PDB file of N, CA and C in Angstrom:
ATOM      1  N   MET A   1     -16.167  -7.746  -5.332  1.00  0.00           N
ATOM      2  CA  MET A   1     -17.055  -7.019  -4.448  1.00  0.00           C
ATOM      3  C   MET A   1     -16.530  -5.599  -4.261  1.00  0.00           C
ATOM      4  N   GLU A   2     -17.346  -4.650  -4.508  1.00  0.00           N
ATOM      5  CA  GLU A   2     -16.946  -3.253  -4.370  1.00  0.00           C
ATOM      6  C   GLU A   2     -17.166  -2.784  -2.934  1.00  0.00           C
ATOM      7  N   MET A   3     -16.151  -2.097  -2.392  1.00  0.00           N
ATOM      8  CA  MET A   3     -16.250  -1.606  -1.014  1.00  0.00           C
ATOM      9  C   MET A   3     -17.060  -0.311  -0.982  1.00  0.00           C
ATOM     10  N   GLN A   4     -17.995  -0.241  -0.094  1.00  0.00           N
ATOM     11  CA  GLN A   4     -18.804   0.966   0.088  1.00  0.00           C
ATOM     12  C   GLN A   4     -18.110   1.864   1.105  1.00  0.00           C
ATOM     13  N   SER A   5     -18.303   3.174   0.995  1.00  0.00           N
ATOM     14  CA  SER A   5     -17.669   4.095   1.935  1.00  0.00           C
ATOM     15  C   SER A   5     -18.087   3.801   3.372  1.00  0.00           C
ATOM     16  N   SER A   6     -19.286   3.275   3.563  1.00  0.00           N
ATOM     17  CA  SER A   6     -19.742   2.956   4.913  1.00  0.00           C
ATOM     18  C   SER A   6     -19.034   1.731   5.477  1.00  0.00           C
ATOM     19  N   ASP A   7     -18.377   0.920   4.599  1.00  0.00           N
ATOM     20  CA  ASP A   7     -17.650  -0.261   5.046  1.00  0.00           C
ATOM     21  C   ASP A   7     -16.265   0.076   5.590  1.00  0.00           C
ATOM     22  N   TYR A   8     -15.751   1.248   5.259  1.00  0.00           N
ATOM     23  CA  TYR A   8     -14.400   1.619   5.675  1.00  0.00           C
ATOM     24  C   TYR A   8     -14.404   2.008   7.152  1.00  0.00           C
ATOM     25  N   PRO A   9     -13.465   1.452   7.934  1.00  0.00           N
ATOM     26  CA  PRO A   9     -13.441   1.752   9.387  1.00  0.00           C
ATOM     27  C   PRO A   9     -12.870   3.142   9.669  1.00  0.00           C
ATOM     28  N   SER A  10     -13.651   4.163   9.407  1.00  0.00           N
ATOM     29  CA  SER A  10     -13.168   5.536   9.528  1.00  0.00           C
ATOM     30  C   SER A  10     -13.220   6.074  10.953  1.00  0.00           C
ATOM     31  N   SER A  11     -13.743   5.299  11.903  1.00  0.00           N
ATOM     32  CA  SER A  11     -13.880   5.809  13.272  1.00  0.00           C
ATOM     33  C   SER A  11     -12.537   6.113  13.927  1.00  0.00           C
ATOM     34  N   SER A  12     -11.460   5.469  13.448  1.00  0.00           N
ATOM     35  CA  SER A  12     -10.156   5.713  14.059  1.00  0.00           C
ATOM     36  C   SER A  12      -9.357   6.808  13.354  1.00  0.00           C
ATOM     37  N   LEU A  13      -9.907   7.370  12.282  1.00  0.00           N
ATOM     38  CA  LEU A  13      -9.209   8.420  11.553  1.00  0.00           C
ATOM     39  C   LEU A  13      -9.509   9.785  12.148  1.00  0.00           C
ATOM     40  N   LEU A  14      -8.499  10.659  12.168  1.00  0.00           N
ATOM     41  CA  LEU A  14      -8.712  12.022  12.643  1.00  0.00           C
ATOM     42  C   LEU A  14      -9.294  12.866  11.519  1.00  0.00           C
ATOM     43  N   GLN A  15     -10.284  13.640  11.837  1.00  0.00           N
ATOM     44  CA  GLN A  15     -10.881  14.507  10.837  1.00  0.00           C
ATOM     45  C   GLN A  15      -9.977  15.707  10.579  1.00  0.00           C
ATOM     46  N   LYS A  16     -10.052  16.221   9.357  1.00  0.00           N
ATOM     47  CA  LYS A  16      -9.209  17.357   8.980  1.00  0.00           C
ATOM     48  C   LYS A  16      -9.493  18.592   9.831  1.00  0.00           C
ATOM     49  N   GLU A  17     -10.724  18.740  10.294  1.00  0.00           N
ATOM     50  CA  GLU A  17     -11.058  19.910  11.118  1.00  0.00           C
ATOM     51  C   GLU A  17     -10.379  19.824  12.489  1.00  0.00           C
ATOM     52  N   ILE A  18     -10.375  18.638  13.077  1.00  0.00           N
ATOM     53  CA  ILE A  18      -9.773  18.458  14.399  1.00  0.00           C
ATOM     54  C   ILE A  18      -8.278  18.731  14.356  1.00  0.00           C
ATOM     55  N   THR A  19      -7.603  18.233  13.321  1.00  0.00           N
ATOM     56  CA  THR A  19      -6.150  18.422  13.201  1.00  0.00           C
ATOM     57  C   THR A  19      -5.782  19.753  12.571  1.00  0.00           C
ATOM     58  N   GLN A  20      -6.775  20.492  12.125  1.00  0.00           N
ATOM     59  CA  GLN A  20      -6.603  21.778  11.430  1.00  0.00           C
ATOM     60  C   GLN A  20      -5.882  21.608  10.097  1.00  0.00           C
ATOM     61  N   ALA A  21      -5.885  20.380   9.561  1.00  0.00           N
ATOM     62  CA  ALA A  21      -5.232  20.127   8.279  1.00  0.00           C
ATOM     63  C   ALA A  21      -5.949  20.859   7.147  1.00  0.00           C
ATOM     64  N   ALA A  22      -7.275  20.901   7.177  1.00  0.00           N
ATOM     65  CA  ALA A  22      -8.027  21.582   6.120  1.00  0.00           C
ATOM     66  C   ALA A  22      -7.694  23.070   6.093  1.00  0.00           C
ATOM     67  N   GLU A  23      -7.612  23.678   7.262  1.00  0.00           N
ATOM     68  CA  GLU A  23      -7.266  25.106   7.349  1.00  0.00           C
ATOM     69  C   GLU A  23      -5.841  25.346   6.843  1.00  0.00           C
ATOM     70  N   PHE A  24      -4.917  24.457   7.202  1.00  0.00           N
ATOM     71  CA  PHE A  24      -3.526  24.583   6.766  1.00  0.00           C
ATOM     72  C   PHE A  24      -3.432  24.505   5.242  1.00  0.00           C
ATOM     73  N   VAL A  25      -4.095  23.511   4.653  1.00  0.00           N
ATOM     74  CA  VAL A  25      -4.065  23.359   3.198  1.00  0.00           C
ATOM     75  C   VAL A  25      -4.727  24.547   2.519  1.00  0.00           C
ATOM     76  N   SER A  26      -5.783  25.065   3.121  1.00  0.00           N
ATOM     77  CA  SER A  26      -6.462  26.229   2.571  1.00  0.00           C
ATOM     78  C   SER A  26      -5.547  27.450   2.542  1.00  0.00           C
ATOM     79  N   LYS A  27      -4.775  27.643   3.609  1.00  0.00           N
ATOM     80  CA  LYS A  27      -3.858  28.785   3.687  1.00  0.00           C
ATOM     81  C   LYS A  27      -2.589  28.574   2.871  1.00  0.00           C
ATOM     82  N   ASN A  28      -2.215  27.317   2.649  1.00  0.00           N
ATOM     83  CA  ASN A  28      -0.965  26.990   1.956  1.00  0.00           C
ATOM     84  C   ASN A  28      -1.221  25.967   0.849  1.00  0.00           C
ATOM     85  N   PRO A  29      -1.923  26.346  -0.207  1.00  0.00           N
ATOM     86  CA  PRO A  29      -2.317  25.369  -1.224  1.00  0.00           C
ATOM     87  C   PRO A  29      -1.148  24.713  -1.962  1.00  0.00           C
ATOM     88  N   THR A  30       0.019  25.318  -1.932  1.00  0.00           N
ATOM     89  CA  THR A  30       1.160  24.715  -2.628  1.00  0.00           C
ATOM     90  C   THR A  30       2.014  23.848  -1.701  1.00  0.00           C
ATOM     91  N   PHE A  31       1.631  23.731  -0.442  1.00  0.00           N
ATOM     92  CA  PHE A  31       2.376  22.898   0.505  1.00  0.00           C
ATOM     93  C   PHE A  31       1.852  21.461   0.432  1.00  0.00           C
ATOM     94  N   ASP A  32       2.005  20.863  -0.711  1.00  0.00           N
ATOM     95  CA  ASP A  32       1.488  19.509  -0.931  1.00  0.00           C
ATOM     96  C   ASP A  32       2.583  18.532  -1.319  1.00  0.00           C
ATOM     97  N   GLY A  33       3.831  18.894  -1.068  1.00  0.00           N
ATOM     98  CA  GLY A  33       4.946  18.010  -1.387  1.00  0.00           C
ATOM     99  C   GLY A  33       5.548  18.260  -2.749  1.00  0.00           C
ATOM    100  N   ARG A  34       5.198  19.341  -3.379  1.00  0.00           N
ATOM    101  CA  ARG A  34       5.760  19.648  -4.697  1.00  0.00           C
ATOM    102  C   ARG A  34       7.275  19.718  -4.608  1.00  0.00           C
ATOM    103  N   ASP A  35       7.924  19.184  -5.651  1.00  0.00           N
ATOM    104  CA  ASP A  35       9.387  19.182  -5.751  1.00  0.00           C
ATOM    105  C   ASP A  35      10.052  18.418  -4.611  1.00  0.00           C
ATOM    106  N   THR A  36       9.338  17.487  -4.022  1.00  0.00           N
ATOM    107  CA  THR A  36       9.884  16.656  -2.950  1.00  0.00           C
ATOM    108  C   THR A  36       9.939  15.219  -3.440  1.00  0.00           C
ATOM    109  N   VAL A  37      11.089  14.567  -3.203  1.00  0.00           N
ATOM    110  CA  VAL A  37      11.232  13.162  -3.563  1.00  0.00           C
ATOM    111  C   VAL A  37      11.324  12.370  -2.274  1.00  0.00           C
ATOM    112  N   ILE A  38      10.491  11.337  -2.169  1.00  0.00           N
ATOM    113  CA  ILE A  38      10.446  10.508  -0.976  1.00  0.00           C
ATOM    114  C   ILE A  38      10.707   9.064  -1.375  1.00  0.00           C
ATOM    115  N   ALA A  39      11.589   8.392  -0.636  1.00  0.00           N
ATOM    116  CA  ALA A  39      11.834   6.963  -0.862  1.00  0.00           C
ATOM    117  C   ALA A  39      11.036   6.173   0.160  1.00  0.00           C
ATOM    118  N   ILE A  40      10.353   5.144  -0.305  1.00  0.00           N
ATOM    119  CA  ILE A  40       9.561   4.284   0.564  1.00  0.00           C
ATOM    120  C   ILE A  40      10.044   2.852   0.383  1.00  0.00           C
ATOM    121  N   LEU A  41      10.444   2.227   1.485  1.00  0.00           N
ATOM    122  CA  LEU A  41      10.836   0.822   1.449  1.00  0.00           C
ATOM    123  C   LEU A  41       9.708   0.034   2.093  1.00  0.00           C
ATOM    124  N   ASP A  42       8.955  -0.669   1.265  1.00  0.00           N
ATOM    125  CA  ASP A  42       7.748  -1.341   1.734  1.00  0.00           C
ATOM    126  C   ASP A  42       7.495  -2.547   0.842  1.00  0.00           C
ATOM    127  N   THR A  43       6.941  -3.598   1.388  1.00  0.00           N
ATOM    128  CA  THR A  43       6.624  -4.767   0.563  1.00  0.00           C
ATOM    129  C   THR A  43       5.197  -4.742   0.067  1.00  0.00           C
ATOM    130  N   GLY A  44       4.457  -3.665   0.345  1.00  0.00           N
ATOM    131  CA  GLY A  44       3.051  -3.664  -0.011  1.00  0.00           C
ATOM    132  C   GLY A  44       2.609  -2.554  -0.938  1.00  0.00           C
ATOM    133  N   ILE A  45       3.486  -1.817  -1.556  1.00  0.00           N
ATOM    134  CA  ILE A  45       3.077  -0.719  -2.426  1.00  0.00           C
ATOM    135  C   ILE A  45       2.512  -1.267  -3.740  1.00  0.00           C
ATOM    136  N   ASP A  46       1.451  -0.663  -4.210  1.00  0.00           N
ATOM    137  CA  ASP A  46       0.857  -1.022  -5.491  1.00  0.00           C
ATOM    138  C   ASP A  46       1.016   0.174  -6.420  1.00  0.00           C
ATOM    139  N   PRO A  47       2.057   0.178  -7.262  1.00  0.00           N
ATOM    140  CA  PRO A  47       2.289   1.340  -8.131  1.00  0.00           C
ATOM    141  C   PRO A  47       1.173   1.568  -9.148  1.00  0.00           C
ATOM    142  N   ALA A  48       0.280   0.594  -9.322  1.00  0.00           N
ATOM    143  CA  ALA A  48      -0.833   0.763 -10.257  1.00  0.00           C
ATOM    144  C   ALA A  48      -2.071   1.369  -9.593  1.00  0.00           C
ATOM    145  N   ALA A  49      -2.037   1.576  -8.280  1.00  0.00           N
ATOM    146  CA  ALA A  49      -3.189   2.151  -7.568  1.00  0.00           C
ATOM    147  C   ALA A  49      -3.459   3.558  -8.082  1.00  0.00           C
ATOM    148  N   SER A  50      -4.718   3.908  -8.175  1.00  0.00           N
ATOM    149  CA  SER A  50      -5.082   5.211  -8.747  1.00  0.00           C
ATOM    150  C   SER A  50      -4.483   6.381  -7.962  1.00  0.00           C
ATOM    151  N   GLY A  51      -4.352   6.255  -6.652  1.00  0.00           N
ATOM    152  CA  GLY A  51      -3.777   7.327  -5.843  1.00  0.00           C
ATOM    153  C   GLY A  51      -2.285   7.493  -6.007  1.00  0.00           C
ATOM    154  N   MET A  52      -1.656   6.573  -6.717  1.00  0.00           N
ATOM    155  CA  MET A  52      -0.209   6.636  -6.930  1.00  0.00           C
ATOM    156  C   MET A  52       0.157   7.123  -8.330  1.00  0.00           C
ATOM    157  N   GLN A  53      -0.814   7.590  -9.099  1.00  0.00           N
ATOM    158  CA  GLN A  53      -0.557   7.925 -10.495  1.00  0.00           C
ATOM    159  C   GLN A  53      -0.038   9.343 -10.726  1.00  0.00           C
ATOM    160  N   LYS A  54      -0.758  10.346 -10.267  1.00  0.00           N
ATOM    161  CA  LYS A  54      -0.410  11.742 -10.582  1.00  0.00           C
ATOM    162  C   LYS A  54      -0.392  12.604  -9.326  1.00  0.00           C
ATOM    163  N   THR A  55       0.489  13.601  -9.319  1.00  0.00           N
ATOM    164  CA  THR A  55       0.555  14.567  -8.225  1.00  0.00           C
ATOM    165  C   THR A  55      -0.533  15.624  -8.420  1.00  0.00           C
ATOM    166  N   SER A  56      -0.630  16.553  -7.489  1.00  0.00           N
ATOM    167  CA  SER A  56      -1.636  17.619  -7.601  1.00  0.00           C
ATOM    168  C   SER A  56      -1.375  18.538  -8.792  1.00  0.00           C
ATOM    169  N   THR A  57      -0.162  18.504  -9.317  1.00  0.00           N
ATOM    170  CA  THR A  57       0.160  19.324 -10.489  1.00  0.00           C
ATOM    171  C   THR A  57       0.182  18.499 -11.773  1.00  0.00           C
ATOM    172  N   GLY A  58      -0.244  17.222 -11.696  1.00  0.00           N
ATOM    173  CA  GLY A  58      -0.332  16.382 -12.884  1.00  0.00           C
ATOM    174  C   GLY A  58       0.927  15.621 -13.243  1.00  0.00           C
ATOM    175  N   LYS A  59       1.973  15.723 -12.433  1.00  0.00           N
ATOM    176  CA  LYS A  59       3.209  14.988 -12.715  1.00  0.00           C
ATOM    177  C   LYS A  59       3.073  13.536 -12.280  1.00  0.00           C
ATOM    178  N   GLN A  60       3.914  12.674 -12.882  1.00  0.00           N
ATOM    179  CA  GLN A  60       3.933  11.270 -12.508  1.00  0.00           C
ATOM    180  C   GLN A  60       4.400  11.148 -11.059  1.00  0.00           C
ATOM    181  N   LYS A  61       3.665  10.401 -10.237  1.00  0.00           N
ATOM    182  CA  LYS A  61       3.972  10.306  -8.816  1.00  0.00           C
ATOM    183  C   LYS A  61       5.104   9.328  -8.536  1.00  0.00           C
ATOM    184  N   VAL A  62       5.006   8.115  -9.028  1.00  0.00           N
ATOM    185  CA  VAL A  62       6.046   7.104  -8.802  1.00  0.00           C
ATOM    186  C   VAL A  62       7.058   7.227  -9.929  1.00  0.00           C
ATOM    187  N   ILE A  63       8.297   7.561  -9.580  1.00  0.00           N
ATOM    188  CA  ILE A  63       9.319   7.727 -10.615  1.00  0.00           C
ATOM    189  C   ILE A  63      10.174   6.480 -10.794  1.00  0.00           C
ATOM    190  N   ASP A  64      10.156   5.592  -9.806  1.00  0.00           N
ATOM    191  CA  ASP A  64      10.882   4.332  -9.916  1.00  0.00           C
ATOM    192  C   ASP A  64      10.420   3.415  -8.794  1.00  0.00           C
ATOM    193  N   PHE A  65      10.487   2.115  -9.020  1.00  0.00           N
ATOM    194  CA  PHE A  65      10.218   1.181  -7.933  1.00  0.00           C
ATOM    195  C   PHE A  65      11.006  -0.099  -8.161  1.00  0.00           C
ATOM    196  N   ILE A  66      11.411  -0.709  -7.077  1.00  0.00           N
ATOM    197  CA  ILE A  66      12.158  -1.957  -7.092  1.00  0.00           C
ATOM    198  C   ILE A  66      11.443  -2.915  -6.151  1.00  0.00           C
ATOM    199  N   ASP A  67      11.185  -4.121  -6.596  1.00  0.00           N
ATOM    200  CA  ASP A  67      10.522  -5.114  -5.753  1.00  0.00           C
ATOM    201  C   ASP A  67      11.558  -5.708  -4.801  1.00  0.00           C
ATOM    202  N   CYS A  68      11.495  -5.320  -3.542  1.00  0.00           N
ATOM    203  CA  CYS A  68      12.418  -5.819  -2.516  1.00  0.00           C
ATOM    204  C   CYS A  68      11.779  -6.904  -1.662  1.00  0.00           C
ATOM    205  N   SER A  69      10.654  -7.421  -2.088  1.00  0.00           N
ATOM    206  CA  SER A  69       9.937  -8.414  -1.283  1.00  0.00           C
ATOM    207  C   SER A  69      10.602  -9.776  -1.332  1.00  0.00           C
ATOM    208  N   GLY A  70      11.482 -10.000  -2.308  1.00  0.00           N
ATOM    209  CA  GLY A  70      12.100 -11.316  -2.457  1.00  0.00           C
ATOM    210  C   GLY A  70      11.223 -12.261  -3.250  1.00  0.00           C
ATOM    211  N   SER A  71      10.150 -11.771  -3.786  1.00  0.00           N
ATOM    212  CA  SER A  71       9.237 -12.604  -4.556  1.00  0.00           C
ATOM    213  C   SER A  71       9.989 -13.254  -5.712  1.00  0.00           C
ATOM    214  N   GLY A  72       9.946 -14.574  -5.746  1.00  0.00           N
ATOM    215  CA  GLY A  72      10.617 -15.305  -6.818  1.00  0.00           C
ATOM    216  C   GLY A  72      12.066 -15.639  -6.511  1.00  0.00           C
ATOM    217  N   ASP A  73      12.597 -15.201  -5.360  1.00  0.00           N
ATOM    218  CA  ASP A  73      13.992 -15.472  -5.022  1.00  0.00           C
ATOM    219  C   ASP A  73      14.224 -16.902  -4.548  1.00  0.00           C
ATOM    220  N   VAL A  74      13.186 -17.543  -4.025  1.00  0.00           N
ATOM    221  CA  VAL A  74      13.329 -18.884  -3.473  1.00  0.00           C
ATOM    222  C   VAL A  74      12.669 -19.881  -4.415  1.00  0.00           C
ATOM    223  N   GLU A  75      13.447 -20.864  -4.864  1.00  0.00           N
ATOM    224  CA  GLU A  75      12.890 -21.880  -5.750  1.00  0.00           C
ATOM    225  C   GLU A  75      11.996 -22.802  -4.930  1.00  0.00           C
ATOM    226  N   LEU A  76      10.791 -22.998  -5.390  1.00  0.00           N
ATOM    227  CA  LEU A  76       9.839 -23.841  -4.675  1.00  0.00           C
ATOM    228  C   LEU A  76       9.764 -25.212  -5.323  1.00  0.00           C
ATOM    229  N   GLY A  77       9.617 -26.250  -4.488  1.00  0.00           N
ATOM    230  CA  GLY A  77       9.443 -27.606  -4.984  1.00  0.00           C
ATOM    231  C   GLY A  77       7.978 -27.886  -5.213  1.00  0.00           C
ATOM    232  N   PRO A  78       7.665 -29.137  -5.601  1.00  0.00           N
ATOM    233  CA  PRO A  78       6.258 -29.474  -5.810  1.00  0.00           C
ATOM    234  C   PRO A  78       5.471 -29.397  -4.506  1.00  0.00           C
ATOM    235  N   ALA A  79       4.200 -29.117  -4.634  1.00  0.00           N
ATOM    236  CA  ALA A  79       3.343 -29.017  -3.450  1.00  0.00           C
ATOM    237  C   ALA A  79       3.270 -30.358  -2.742  1.00  0.00           C
ATOM    238  N   GLN A  80       3.201 -30.324  -1.427  1.00  0.00           N
ATOM    239  CA  GLN A  80       3.103 -31.544  -0.632  1.00  0.00           C
ATOM    240  C   GLN A  80       1.738 -31.598   0.033  1.00  0.00           C
ATOM    241  N   LYS A  81       1.267 -32.810   0.287  1.00  0.00           N
ATOM    242  CA  LYS A  81      -0.031 -32.986   0.932  1.00  0.00           C
ATOM    243  C   LYS A  81       0.157 -33.149   2.435  1.00  0.00           C
ATOM    244  N   CYS A  82      -0.843 -32.755   3.188  1.00  0.00           N
ATOM    245  CA  CYS A  82      -0.865 -32.978   4.629  1.00  0.00           C
ATOM    246  C   CYS A  82      -1.609 -34.285   4.887  1.00  0.00           C
ATOM    247  N   SER A  83      -1.240 -34.965   5.966  1.00  0.00           N
ATOM    248  CA  SER A  83      -1.947 -36.207   6.305  1.00  0.00           C
ATOM    249  C   SER A  83      -3.234 -35.881   7.056  1.00  0.00           C
ATOM    250  N   ASP A  84      -4.190 -36.788   7.013  1.00  0.00           N
ATOM    251  CA  ASP A  84      -5.451 -36.590   7.730  1.00  0.00           C
ATOM    252  C   ASP A  84      -5.237 -36.612   9.236  1.00  0.00           C
ATOM    253  N   GLU A  85      -4.279 -37.430   9.711  1.00  0.00           N
ATOM    254  CA  GLU A  85      -4.026 -37.560  11.144  1.00  0.00           C
ATOM    255  C   GLU A  85      -3.340 -36.310  11.703  1.00  0.00           C
ATOM    256  N   LYS A  86      -2.453 -35.713  10.926  1.00  0.00           N
ATOM    257  CA  LYS A  86      -1.700 -34.526  11.367  1.00  0.00           C
ATOM    258  C   LYS A  86      -1.819 -33.460  10.278  1.00  0.00           C
ATOM    259  N   PRO A  87      -2.954 -32.758  10.250  1.00  0.00           N
ATOM    260  CA  PRO A  87      -3.202 -31.830   9.136  1.00  0.00           C
ATOM    261  C   PRO A  87      -2.252 -30.630   9.077  1.00  0.00           C
ATOM    262  N   PHE A  88      -1.510 -30.361  10.131  1.00  0.00           N
ATOM    263  CA  PHE A  88      -0.612 -29.211  10.104  1.00  0.00           C
ATOM    264  C   PHE A  88       0.850 -29.596   9.887  1.00  0.00           C
ATOM    265  N   GLU A  89       1.094 -30.873   9.583  1.00  0.00           N
ATOM    266  CA  GLU A  89       2.453 -31.329   9.311  1.00  0.00           C
ATOM    267  C   GLU A  89       2.515 -31.871   7.888  1.00  0.00           C
ATOM    268  N   LEU A  90       3.574 -31.523   7.171  1.00  0.00           N
ATOM    269  CA  LEU A  90       3.738 -31.997   5.806  1.00  0.00           C
ATOM    270  C   LEU A  90       4.261 -33.422   5.831  1.00  0.00           C
ATOM    271  N   VAL A  91       3.826 -34.205   4.868  1.00  0.00           N
ATOM    272  CA  VAL A  91       4.305 -35.578   4.746  1.00  0.00           C
ATOM    273  C   VAL A  91       4.845 -35.774   3.330  1.00  0.00           C
ATOM    274  N   GLY A  92       5.714 -36.721   3.171  1.00  0.00           N
ATOM    275  CA  GLY A  92       6.262 -37.002   1.845  1.00  0.00           C
ATOM    276  C   GLY A  92       7.662 -36.470   1.709  1.00  0.00           C
ATOM    277  N   ASP A  93       8.151 -36.441   0.464  1.00  0.00           N
ATOM    278  CA  ASP A  93       9.541 -36.015   0.201  1.00  0.00           C
ATOM    279  C   ASP A  93       9.706 -34.537   0.391  1.00  0.00           C
TER     280      ASP A  93
END
């Protein structure tokens, strides 16, 4: 399902005019983070997202990433079934 722009909850976002961000960028077009390296420690980054591909000057945006989520660190056993009487408790081995 494709998200429509009208589906995005934009009512809580500040407009660029109110924050004067548009005017600032207009006066300082090179103040966009060029030559700045930022480290982000997050379990939800998607390095394949289109907004993470290129900078305003065409350089690669993500230069390295390490999965710190722990995904795959814990060995999982076979799935267990819940009982009908206590559906929120696991039963079995």
